[in-house]
């Protein structure tokens, strides 16, 4: 009789182990397949703030905000930005198919400038944190619109993340005057 109980207990143990393995597989499928835990959950936004005038230029602060909504630290590299300007003397051109027929900004004031010093090579954003990076620059007084384009690469996969935003400089000036 004790042999039969031992056999049954072995069967129950094996069934429970099998159920535990199946449960773990289902959990992994949901966690990494459906909820995409293996991918970065980065929110990346750009902003611009007008600071004032100096020597026939307007000082502006370019702002990049990165928020890591994921569960692990994310490293980024080659994090650069371009600053493009449009003034009243520039003719509007919407014929360039390489930029999807958007208004072309011919005056590229800054090209591929890093947000962080090049000597850092990479930077990171810890899980659940929000980091703000700024860059101070001057634009000519006759500038009407500013387009800020930024991009970074995830070192582990060489995938990239980019953001672009256009600002009307006179609007930023009025916002500063209201404050």
Protein backbone atom coordinates (compact mmCIF):
# COMPACT_ATOMS: atom_id res chain seq x y z
CA UNK A 1 0.00 0.00 0.00
CA UNK A 2 2.81 2.42 0.80
CA UNK A 3 4.17 1.77 -2.68
CA UNK A 4 0.86 2.84 -4.27
CA UNK A 5 0.82 6.07 -2.20
CA UNK A 6 4.41 6.70 -3.20
CA UNK A 7 3.50 6.23 -6.90
CA UNK A 8 0.51 8.58 -6.61
CA UNK A 9 2.55 11.21 -4.81
CA UNK A 10 5.16 10.99 -7.58
CA UNK A 11 2.46 11.44 -10.22
CA UNK A 12 0.98 14.46 -8.38
CA UNK A 13 4.46 15.97 -7.98
CA UNK A 14 5.17 15.54 -11.73
CA UNK A 15 1.81 17.06 -12.70
CA UNK A 16 2.40 20.07 -10.42
CA UNK A 17 5.90 20.58 -11.84
CA UNK A 18 4.49 20.45 -15.38
CA UNK A 19 1.79 22.98 -14.48
CA UNK A 20 4.42 25.26 -12.91
CA UNK A 21 6.54 25.10 -16.08
CA UNK A 22 3.50 25.86 -18.27
CA UNK A 23 2.54 28.74 -15.96
CA UNK A 24 6.05 30.19 -16.22
CA UNK A 25 5.92 29.90 -20.01
CA UNK A 26 2.58 31.73 -20.14
CA UNK A 27 3.96 34.45 -17.82
CA UNK A 28 7.06 34.88 -20.01
CA UNK A 29 4.91 35.08 -23.15
CA UNK A 30 2.77 37.84 -21.64
CA UNK A 31 5.68 39.66 -20.05
CA UNK A 32 8.09 39.68 -22.98
CA UNK A 33 5.81 38.97 -25.94
CA UNK A 34 2.58 40.87 -25.45
CA UNK A 35 3.75 43.56 -23.02
CA UNK A 36 7.06 44.01 -24.91
CA UNK A 37 9.22 44.25 -21.78
CA UNK A 38 12.31 43.54 -23.85
CA UNK A 39 11.93 46.87 -25.70
CA UNK A 40 12.78 50.32 -24.44
CA UNK A 41 9.89 52.46 -23.25
CA UNK A 42 11.34 55.90 -23.83
CA UNK A 43 9.33 59.09 -24.24
CA UNK A 44 11.39 61.75 -26.00
CA UNK A 45 10.21 65.38 -26.35
CA UNK A 46 11.77 68.63 -27.51
CA UNK A 47 11.06 72.19 -26.45
CA UNK A 48 12.46 75.68 -26.93
CA UNK A 49 12.44 78.70 -24.62
CA UNK A 50 13.18 82.29 -25.55
CA UNK A 51 15.52 83.99 -23.06
CA UNK A 52 16.12 87.48 -24.47
CA UNK A 53 18.00 89.65 -26.97
CA UNK A 54 21.71 90.41 -27.14
CA UNK A 55 23.82 91.97 -29.93
CA UNK A 56 21.11 91.67 -32.63
CA UNK A 57 20.56 88.02 -31.74
CA UNK A 58 17.90 86.18 -29.81
CA UNK A 59 19.08 83.79 -27.12
CA UNK A 60 17.13 80.54 -27.02
CA UNK A 61 17.37 77.50 -24.79
CA UNK A 62 16.88 74.20 -26.61
CA UNK A 63 15.43 71.53 -24.35
CA UNK A 64 15.36 67.74 -24.66
CA UNK A 65 13.30 65.72 -22.19
CA UNK A 66 13.74 61.96 -21.98
CA UNK A 67 11.55 59.83 -19.74
CA UNK A 68 12.22 56.13 -19.22
CA UNK A 69 8.85 54.49 -18.57
CA UNK A 70 10.36 51.04 -18.66
CA UNK A 71 11.72 48.81 -15.92
CA UNK A 72 15.44 48.84 -16.75
CA UNK A 73 18.17 51.44 -17.35
CA UNK A 74 18.49 52.47 -20.99
CA UNK A 75 21.81 53.49 -22.51
CA UNK A 76 21.92 55.83 -25.49
CA UNK A 77 24.74 56.99 -27.76
CA UNK A 78 25.30 59.41 -30.63
CA UNK A 79 22.62 61.72 -29.23
CA UNK A 80 22.72 64.76 -31.52
CA UNK A 81 20.51 67.57 -32.70
CA UNK A 82 20.13 69.82 -35.72
CA UNK A 83 18.85 73.39 -35.49
CA UNK A 84 17.27 74.77 -38.66
CA UNK A 85 16.13 78.37 -39.13
CA UNK A 86 13.61 80.09 -41.39
CA UNK A 87 13.35 83.88 -41.81
CA UNK A 88 11.18 86.26 -43.83
CA UNK A 89 13.60 86.37 -46.75
CA UNK A 90 13.45 82.59 -47.32
CA UNK A 91 11.12 81.39 -50.07
CA UNK A 92 8.84 78.54 -49.00
CA UNK A 93 9.79 75.29 -50.73
CA UNK A 94 7.61 72.18 -50.38
CA UNK A 95 8.97 70.19 -53.31
CA UNK A 96 11.57 67.95 -51.64
CA UNK A 97 10.35 64.35 -51.55
CA UNK A 98 13.21 63.30 -49.21
CA UNK A 99 11.51 65.25 -46.40
CA UNK A 100 8.00 64.16 -47.40
CA UNK A 101 7.17 67.50 -49.06
CA UNK A 102 7.39 69.44 -45.80
CA UNK A 103 8.59 73.05 -45.72
CA UNK A 104 12.33 72.98 -46.34
CA UNK A 105 14.54 74.95 -43.96
CA UNK A 106 17.65 75.90 -45.92
CA UNK A 107 19.56 77.54 -43.05
CA UNK A 108 21.06 74.77 -40.91
CA UNK A 109 22.63 76.68 -38.02
CA UNK A 110 23.72 73.59 -36.08
CA UNK A 111 24.28 70.12 -37.51
CA UNK A 112 24.77 66.92 -35.50
CA UNK A 113 25.74 68.75 -32.28
CA UNK A 114 25.82 66.43 -29.24
CA UNK A 115 23.53 67.08 -26.25
CA UNK A 116 26.19 65.66 -23.96
CA UNK A 117 29.98 65.92 -24.31
CA UNK A 118 31.42 63.55 -26.90
CA UNK A 119 33.88 62.23 -24.31
CA UNK A 120 30.96 60.59 -22.46
CA UNK A 121 30.39 58.21 -25.43
CA UNK A 122 27.08 57.05 -23.94
CA UNK A 123 24.64 58.32 -21.39
CA UNK A 124 21.81 56.52 -19.67
CA UNK A 125 18.35 57.06 -18.25
CA UNK A 126 17.41 55.00 -15.21
CA UNK A 127 14.05 53.24 -15.03
CA UNK A 128 11.20 55.49 -13.99
CA UNK A 129 13.19 58.73 -14.29
CA UNK A 130 12.81 61.87 -16.34
CA UNK A 131 15.91 63.79 -17.43
CA UNK A 132 16.09 67.27 -18.93
CA UNK A 133 19.02 68.38 -21.10
CA UNK A 134 19.47 71.96 -22.32
CA UNK A 135 21.61 73.76 -24.87
CA UNK A 136 21.98 77.55 -25.05
CA UNK A 137 22.45 79.18 -28.44
CA UNK A 138 21.77 82.42 -30.32
CA UNK A 139 19.79 82.87 -33.54
CA UNK A 140 19.64 85.93 -35.79
CA UNK A 141 17.06 88.56 -34.82
CA UNK A 142 15.13 88.12 -38.10
CA UNK A 143 14.50 84.39 -37.45
CA UNK A 144 10.78 83.55 -37.66
CA UNK A 145 10.74 79.76 -37.21
CA UNK A 146 13.05 77.23 -35.59
CA UNK A 147 12.99 73.49 -36.26
CA UNK A 148 14.75 71.29 -33.75
CA UNK A 149 15.49 67.70 -34.82
CA UNK A 150 17.17 65.24 -32.49
CA UNK A 151 18.14 61.58 -32.67
CA UNK A 152 19.88 58.95 -30.54
CA UNK A 153 20.90 55.31 -30.93
CA UNK A 154 20.37 52.40 -28.54
CA UNK A 155 23.86 50.79 -28.31
CA UNK A 156 22.57 47.25 -27.81
CA UNK A 157 20.62 47.11 -31.07
CA UNK A 158 21.62 50.14 -33.17
CA UNK A 159 17.92 51.06 -33.36
CA UNK A 160 17.33 54.78 -33.18
CA UNK A 161 14.76 57.13 -31.70
CA UNK A 162 14.13 60.62 -33.07
CA UNK A 163 11.98 63.65 -32.40
CA UNK A 164 11.31 66.87 -34.30
CA UNK A 165 9.45 70.03 -33.38
CA UNK A 166 9.03 73.46 -34.98
CA UNK A 167 8.60 76.70 -33.02
CA UNK A 168 7.47 80.18 -34.01
CA UNK A 169 10.03 82.47 -32.40
CA UNK A 170 7.67 85.48 -32.13
CA UNK A 171 5.22 83.28 -30.19
CA UNK A 172 7.99 82.28 -27.78
CA UNK A 173 8.85 85.98 -27.33
CA UNK A 174 5.19 86.81 -26.51
CA UNK A 175 5.07 83.93 -24.02
CA UNK A 176 8.16 85.33 -22.29
CA UNK A 177 6.54 88.79 -22.10
CA UNK A 178 3.41 87.36 -20.46
CA UNK A 179 5.42 85.76 -17.66
